[in-house]
Every structure is written in C-alpha cells, then in structure tokens.
Amino acid sequence: MTHYNFVDILRASDDREEMEMWREELEGKIVVVSDVSTGTSDVGPAPTDTHFPLSGLHANAMHTILTGSFLRDLSSAAMLLVEVLLLSIVLGLSLRLSSLSFTLSSLAVAVAYTGVAAGAFLYGNLIVSVVGPLMMGT
C-alpha cells in the first residue's frame, strides 16, 4: 500500500497539471485518509507495532475482503492424514536408526514440518496445527 501526505494533494489543488498527475495516480483506487500526527488518537497497538495507525487496520481489512485472501484452517480429515504421515515417518525412523541418529532425524522432521506449516501460512493463507503433531512424535 502506498502512503501519501495529504498536504501534497491539498497543495496540488492550486496547480491544474499537478492535480491531473494526482488524479491519474489515484484513479480507481480506494483512499483512506487519517490523521497520524503526534498526539492523535488514531494510533494504537497492533501485533507488529505498538503505535500503528488504526486506519492501516481498516485498509488491511479492505484489502483482505477485496482480494478474498482470508485465512482458512486445514480440514480435520487432512490434518489427520498429516498426523498419520508424520507418525509413520517417526515410526520408520525409530525402527531403522540408532538412538542418536533417530533423535537427529526426528528433529530434522520437526523442523521440516514447522517450515512447511510456516510456508503454508505465509504463501497459502492456510492455518496448519503445529503443536499437536509435533508433540505426538515426542
């Protein structure tokens, strides 16, 4: 999302050419205007920042709705399949490897699963249970 100073647009209202540039820049876009100066009340805590402009929360909510990029949970059947697969891998490792090799391999499987779950969340908007499957293998 691009941020602009409102005062730049206001000053452009006196210049026809500059106003045309702003019209081309903002045409077809949704604009959220807010006061984020020091001491205003449109600033609050968000997970990534303690002083986040609350208009940014509104802009992000609009973006999520317009793009349809909602978070969704992995279905119970798919999660059961993942757990069975992880359990099979850990069981296979325990039957074939020595104690130290099994420990290191199990740790590698846990790290790989956590990476896959993080990738599914970041790139697929998919929430995958992490703690339950990892506790199952310990």
C-alpha atoms as a PDB file:
ATOM      1  CA  MET A   1       0.000   0.000   0.000  1.00  0.00           C
ATOM      2  CA  THR A   2       1.333   3.367  -0.949  1.00  0.00           C
ATOM      3  CA  HIS A   3       1.282   6.218   1.567  1.00  0.00           C
ATOM      4  CA  TYR A   4       0.915   9.874   0.584  1.00  0.00           C
ATOM      5  CA  ASN A   5       0.948  13.096   2.563  1.00  0.00           C
ATOM      6  CA  PHE A   6      -2.449  14.721   2.327  1.00  0.00           C
ATOM      7  CA  VAL A   7      -0.842  18.161   2.333  1.00  0.00           C
ATOM      8  CA  ASP A   8       0.866  17.361  -1.022  1.00  0.00           C
ATOM      9  CA  ILE A   9      -2.504  16.655  -2.609  1.00  0.00           C
ATOM     10  CA  LEU A  10      -4.045  19.720  -0.990  1.00  0.00           C
ATOM     11  CA  ARG A  11      -1.254  21.957  -2.321  1.00  0.00           C
ATOM     12  CA  ALA A  12      -1.714  20.450  -5.790  1.00  0.00           C
ATOM     13  CA  SER A  13      -5.296  21.750  -5.883  1.00  0.00           C
ATOM     14  CA  ASP A  14      -3.902  25.139  -6.964  1.00  0.00           C
ATOM     15  CA  ASP A  15      -1.958  23.674  -9.922  1.00  0.00           C
ATOM     16  CA  ARG A  16      -4.005  22.071 -12.737  1.00  0.00           C
ATOM     17  CA  GLU A  17      -1.123  19.936 -14.095  1.00  0.00           C
ATOM     18  CA  GLU A  18      -0.134  18.623 -10.692  1.00  0.00           C
ATOM     19  CA  MET A  19      -3.774  17.911  -9.860  1.00  0.00           C
ATOM     20  CA  GLU A  20      -4.043  15.904 -13.116  1.00  0.00           C
ATOM     21  CA  MET A  21      -1.000  13.882 -12.028  1.00  0.00           C
ATOM     22  CA  TRP A  22      -2.686  13.080  -8.715  1.00  0.00           C
ATOM     23  CA  ARG A  23      -5.920  12.177 -10.494  1.00  0.00           C
ATOM     24  CA  GLU A  24      -4.050   9.682 -12.685  1.00  0.00           C
ATOM     25  CA  GLU A  25      -2.212   8.301  -9.649  1.00  0.00           C
ATOM     26  CA  LEU A  26      -5.325   7.800  -7.513  1.00  0.00           C
ATOM     27  CA  GLU A  27      -7.968   6.992 -10.136  1.00  0.00           C
ATOM     28  CA  GLY A  28      -9.754   3.711  -9.479  1.00  0.00           C
ATOM     29  CA  LYS A  29      -8.206   3.308  -6.029  1.00  0.00           C
ATOM     30  CA  ILE A  30      -9.725   3.385  -2.576  1.00  0.00           C
ATOM     31  CA  VAL A  31      -8.175   6.116  -0.455  1.00  0.00           C
ATOM     32  CA  VAL A  32      -8.163   6.047   3.335  1.00  0.00           C
ATOM     33  CA  VAL A  33      -7.484   9.431   4.914  1.00  0.00           C
ATOM     34  CA  SER A  34      -6.404   9.655   8.533  1.00  0.00           C
ATOM     35  CA  ASP A  35      -4.576  11.930  10.915  1.00  0.00           C
ATOM     36  CA  VAL A  36      -1.457  10.196  12.199  1.00  0.00           C
ATOM     37  CA  SER A  37       0.293  13.226  13.641  1.00  0.00           C
ATOM     38  CA  THR A  38       1.815  13.088  17.111  1.00  0.00           C
ATOM     39  CA  GLY A  39      -0.792  13.114  19.854  1.00  0.00           C
ATOM     40  CA  THR A  40      -3.717  11.889  17.745  1.00  0.00           C
ATOM     41  CA  SER A  41      -5.996   9.091  18.848  1.00  0.00           C
ATOM     42  CA  ASP A  42      -5.930   7.171  15.541  1.00  0.00           C
ATOM     43  CA  VAL A  43      -2.862   5.255  16.656  1.00  0.00           C
ATOM     44  CA  GLY A  44      -2.969   2.040  18.650  1.00  0.00           C
ATOM     45  CA  PRO A  45      -1.282  -1.307  19.238  1.00  0.00           C
ATOM     46  CA  ALA A  46      -1.114  -3.954  16.526  1.00  0.00           C
ATOM     47  CA  PRO A  47       0.787  -7.266  16.580  1.00  0.00           C
ATOM     48  CA  THR A  48       3.740  -5.735  14.723  1.00  0.00           C
ATOM     49  CA  ASP A  49       3.839  -2.213  16.177  1.00  0.00           C
ATOM     50  CA  THR A  50       2.713  -0.558  19.415  1.00  0.00           C
ATOM     51  CA  HIS A  51       1.890   2.735  17.632  1.00  0.00           C
ATOM     52  CA  PHE A  52       0.285   1.567  14.391  1.00  0.00           C
ATOM     53  CA  PRO A  53      -2.120   3.883  12.515  1.00  0.00           C
ATOM     54  CA  LEU A  54      -5.529   2.318  13.041  1.00  0.00           C
ATOM     55  CA  SER A  55      -6.511   3.457   9.552  1.00  0.00           C
ATOM     56  CA  GLY A  56      -3.940   0.891   8.422  1.00  0.00           C
ATOM     57  CA  LEU A  57      -6.040  -1.817  10.067  1.00  0.00           C
ATOM     58  CA  HIS A  58      -9.049  -0.624   8.072  1.00  0.00           C
ATOM     59  CA  ALA A  59      -7.001  -0.557   4.865  1.00  0.00           C
ATOM     60  CA  ASN A  60      -5.733  -4.099   5.502  1.00  0.00           C
ATOM     61  CA  ALA A  61      -9.270  -5.330   6.235  1.00  0.00           C
ATOM     62  CA  MET A  62     -10.500  -3.788   2.957  1.00  0.00           C
ATOM     63  CA  HIS A  63      -7.589  -5.376   1.083  1.00  0.00           C
ATOM     64  CA  THR A  64      -8.370  -8.795   2.571  1.00  0.00           C
ATOM     65  CA  ILE A  65     -12.050  -8.528   1.642  1.00  0.00           C
ATOM     66  CA  LEU A  66     -11.425  -7.231  -1.879  1.00  0.00           C
ATOM     67  CA  THR A  67      -8.752  -9.834  -2.703  1.00  0.00           C
ATOM     68  CA  GLY A  68     -10.532 -12.667  -0.894  1.00  0.00           C
ATOM     69  CA  SER A  69      -7.286 -13.718   0.798  1.00  0.00           C
ATOM     70  CA  PHE A  70      -8.850 -14.986   4.008  1.00  0.00           C
ATOM     71  CA  LEU A  71      -7.094 -17.354   6.404  1.00  0.00           C
ATOM     72  CA  ARG A  72      -8.554 -20.855   6.434  1.00  0.00           C
ATOM     73  CA  ASP A  73      -7.960 -23.936   8.566  1.00  0.00           C
ATOM     74  CA  LEU A  74      -6.792 -27.261   7.225  1.00  0.00           C
ATOM     75  CA  SER A  75      -9.739 -29.665   7.367  1.00  0.00           C
ATOM     76  CA  SER A  76      -9.878 -32.282  10.129  1.00  0.00           C
ATOM     77  CA  ALA A  77      -9.509 -35.120   7.611  1.00  0.00           C
ATOM     78  CA  ALA A  78      -6.456 -33.505   6.008  1.00  0.00           C
ATOM     79  CA  MET A  79      -4.930 -32.798   9.432  1.00  0.00           C
ATOM     80  CA  LEU A  80      -5.479 -36.441  10.427  1.00  0.00           C
ATOM     81  CA  LEU A  81      -3.695 -37.511   7.234  1.00  0.00           C
ATOM     82  CA  VAL A  82      -0.766 -35.215   8.061  1.00  0.00           C
ATOM     83  CA  GLU A  83      -0.555 -36.626  11.600  1.00  0.00           C
ATOM     84  CA  VAL A  84      -0.630 -40.218  10.341  1.00  0.00           C
ATOM     85  CA  LEU A  85       2.093 -39.385   7.804  1.00  0.00           C
ATOM     86  CA  LEU A  86       4.296 -37.785  10.468  1.00  0.00           C
ATOM     87  CA  LEU A  87       3.694 -40.702  12.823  1.00  0.00           C
ATOM     88  CA  SER A  88       4.629 -43.165  10.062  1.00  0.00           C
ATOM     89  CA  ILE A  89       7.832 -41.280   9.344  1.00  0.00           C
ATOM     90  CA  VAL A  90       8.820 -41.181  13.025  1.00  0.00           C
ATOM     91  CA  LEU A  91       7.943 -44.872  13.457  1.00  0.00           C
ATOM     92  CA  GLY A  92      10.001 -45.785  10.392  1.00  0.00           C
ATOM     93  CA  LEU A  93      12.946 -43.767  11.680  1.00  0.00           C
ATOM     94  CA  SER A  94      12.722 -45.404  15.121  1.00  0.00           C
ATOM     95  CA  LEU A  95      12.801 -48.896  13.632  1.00  0.00           C
ATOM     96  CA  ARG A  96      15.753 -48.271  11.308  1.00  0.00           C
ATOM     97  CA  LEU A  97      18.088 -45.860  13.097  1.00  0.00           C
ATOM     98  CA  SER A  98      20.251 -45.861  16.194  1.00  0.00           C
ATOM     99  CA  SER A  99      19.293 -43.692  19.139  1.00  0.00           C
ATOM    100  CA  LEU A 100      21.432 -40.672  18.198  1.00  0.00           C
ATOM    101  CA  SER A 101      20.527 -40.873  14.506  1.00  0.00           C
ATOM    102  CA  PHE A 102      16.855 -41.217  15.379  1.00  0.00           C
ATOM    103  CA  THR A 103      16.986 -38.159  17.618  1.00  0.00           C
ATOM    104  CA  LEU A 104      18.667 -36.029  14.956  1.00  0.00           C
ATOM    105  CA  SER A 105      16.356 -37.309  12.221  1.00  0.00           C
ATOM    106  CA  SER A 106      13.250 -36.659  14.340  1.00  0.00           C
ATOM    107  CA  LEU A 107      14.483 -33.145  14.995  1.00  0.00           C
ATOM    108  CA  ALA A 108      15.006 -32.664  11.244  1.00  0.00           C
ATOM    109  CA  VAL A 109      11.453 -33.903  10.553  1.00  0.00           C
ATOM    110  CA  ALA A 110      10.078 -31.495  13.184  1.00  0.00           C
ATOM    111  CA  VAL A 111      11.991 -28.555  11.685  1.00  0.00           C
ATOM    112  CA  ALA A 112      10.880 -29.507   8.160  1.00  0.00           C
ATOM    113  CA  TYR A 113       7.239 -29.807   9.257  1.00  0.00           C
ATOM    114  CA  THR A 114       7.402 -26.432  11.008  1.00  0.00           C
ATOM    115  CA  GLY A 115       8.868 -24.908   7.837  1.00  0.00           C
ATOM    116  CA  VAL A 116       6.110 -26.420   5.698  1.00  0.00           C
ATOM    117  CA  ALA A 117       3.456 -25.153   8.133  1.00  0.00           C
ATOM    118  CA  ALA A 118       5.001 -21.659   8.074  1.00  0.00           C
ATOM    119  CA  GLY A 119       5.135 -21.714   4.269  1.00  0.00           C
ATOM    120  CA  ALA A 120       1.503 -22.816   4.086  1.00  0.00           C
ATOM    121  CA  PHE A 121       0.547 -19.907   6.336  1.00  0.00           C
ATOM    122  CA  LEU A 122       2.663 -17.252   4.617  1.00  0.00           C
ATOM    123  CA  TYR A 123       2.077 -18.264   1.000  1.00  0.00           C
ATOM    124  CA  GLY A 124      -1.205 -20.168   1.074  1.00  0.00           C
ATOM    125  CA  ASN A 125      -3.146 -18.419   3.876  1.00  0.00           C
ATOM    126  CA  LEU A 126      -3.586 -21.872   5.407  1.00  0.00           C
ATOM    127  CA  ILE A 127      -3.508 -22.485   9.166  1.00  0.00           C
ATOM    128  CA  VAL A 128      -1.944 -25.851   9.951  1.00  0.00           C
ATOM    129  CA  SER A 129      -1.753 -27.195  13.500  1.00  0.00           C
ATOM    130  CA  VAL A 130       1.876 -27.364  14.616  1.00  0.00           C
ATOM    131  CA  VAL A 131       1.990 -28.145  18.342  1.00  0.00           C
ATOM    132  CA  GLY A 132      -0.226 -31.265  18.336  1.00  0.00           C
ATOM    133  CA  PRO A 133       1.578 -33.128  15.552  1.00  0.00           C
ATOM    134  CA  LEU A 134       4.996 -32.248  16.974  1.00  0.00           C
ATOM    135  CA  MET A 135       4.016 -33.380  20.487  1.00  0.00           C
ATOM    136  CA  MET A 136       2.728 -36.622  19.041  1.00  0.00           C
ATOM    137  CA  GLY A 137       6.193 -37.544  17.827  1.00  0.00           C
ATOM    138  CA  THR A 138       7.957 -36.946  21.129  1.00  0.00           C
END
